[in-house]
Amino acid sequence: MLLIDDDKVYIKDYIEILIMEDHFFKIKMPRYCLNVRGEGLAIYYYDQNEIRFSGHVKVIEYDEYRV
């Protein structure tokens, strides 16, 4: 699940954070990888089921992969 609220993004039920930079995040989800591009991206909360990060999001896209 993905929720976008102003300058915050909430992602639930993720598997793994693959890439984490201040301008790009790649997050492995159950059936795809979620790519988030922007400026000043930073995680302010995460646990085993949820990630919350803030910053100026410019693009959100996904890459499908086969399980």
Protein backbone atom coordinates (compact mmCIF):
# COMPACT_ATOMS: atom_id res chain seq x y z
CA MET A 1 0.00 0.00 0.00
CA LEU A 2 1.21 3.49 -0.88
CA LEU A 3 -0.16 6.72 0.60
CA ILE A 4 1.04 10.20 -0.40
CA ASP A 5 0.26 13.23 1.78
CA ASP A 6 1.83 16.61 0.84
CA ASP A 7 5.56 16.08 1.50
CA LYS A 8 5.20 12.67 3.20
CA VAL A 9 4.98 9.15 1.77
CA TYR A 10 3.77 6.05 3.64
CA ILE A 11 4.53 2.56 2.36
CA LYS A 12 3.10 -0.56 4.04
CA ASP A 13 3.91 -4.23 3.55
CA TYR A 14 7.32 -3.74 1.96
CA ILE A 15 9.92 -6.49 1.78
CA GLU A 16 13.25 -4.66 1.63
CA ILE A 17 14.85 -1.26 0.99
CA LEU A 18 17.20 -1.83 -1.95
CA ILE A 19 18.56 1.70 -2.52
CA MET A 20 18.28 4.67 -0.18
CA GLU A 21 19.67 8.06 -1.20
CA ASP A 22 18.49 11.64 -0.65
CA HIS A 23 17.17 11.79 -4.23
CA PHE A 24 16.20 8.13 -4.97
CA PHE A 25 14.61 5.23 -3.08
CA LYS A 26 14.09 1.72 -4.47
CA ILE A 27 11.87 -0.47 -2.33
CA LYS A 28 11.06 -4.12 -2.96
CA MET A 29 7.35 -4.86 -2.60
CA PRO A 30 5.65 -8.29 -2.83
CA ARG A 31 5.14 -8.12 -6.65
CA TYR A 32 7.13 -5.12 -7.85
CA CYS A 33 9.87 -2.65 -6.96
CA LEU A 34 8.76 0.86 -6.11
CA ASN A 35 11.03 3.71 -7.32
CA VAL A 36 10.69 7.15 -5.75
CA ARG A 37 12.65 10.12 -7.11
CA GLY A 38 12.78 13.55 -5.57
CA GLU A 39 14.79 15.97 -3.44
CA GLY A 40 15.66 15.81 0.24
CA LEU A 41 14.13 12.35 0.72
CA ALA A 42 14.69 11.01 4.24
CA ILE A 43 13.18 8.21 6.32
CA TYR A 44 11.70 9.45 9.57
CA TYR A 45 10.05 6.17 10.67
CA TYR A 46 10.28 2.52 9.72
CA ASP A 47 9.62 -0.92 11.14
CA GLN A 48 9.16 -4.39 9.66
CA ASN A 49 5.87 -3.46 7.95
CA GLU A 50 5.95 0.26 7.25
CA ILE A 51 8.24 3.03 5.98
CA ARG A 52 7.49 6.72 6.29
CA PHE A 53 9.66 9.30 4.57
CA SER A 54 9.53 12.97 3.79
CA GLY A 55 10.89 15.28 1.12
CA HIS A 56 9.87 16.68 -2.24
CA VAL A 57 8.65 13.73 -4.35
CA LYS A 58 8.87 14.28 -8.11
CA VAL A 59 8.27 10.81 -9.60
CA ILE A 60 6.90 7.51 -8.32
CA GLU A 61 7.08 4.50 -10.63
CA TYR A 62 7.30 0.74 -10.34
CA ASP A 63 9.18 -2.11 -12.02
CA GLU A 64 7.38 -5.43 -12.31
CA TYR A 65 9.26 -8.63 -11.65
CA ARG A 66 8.30 -12.26 -11.69
CA VAL A 67 8.09 -14.14 -8.41
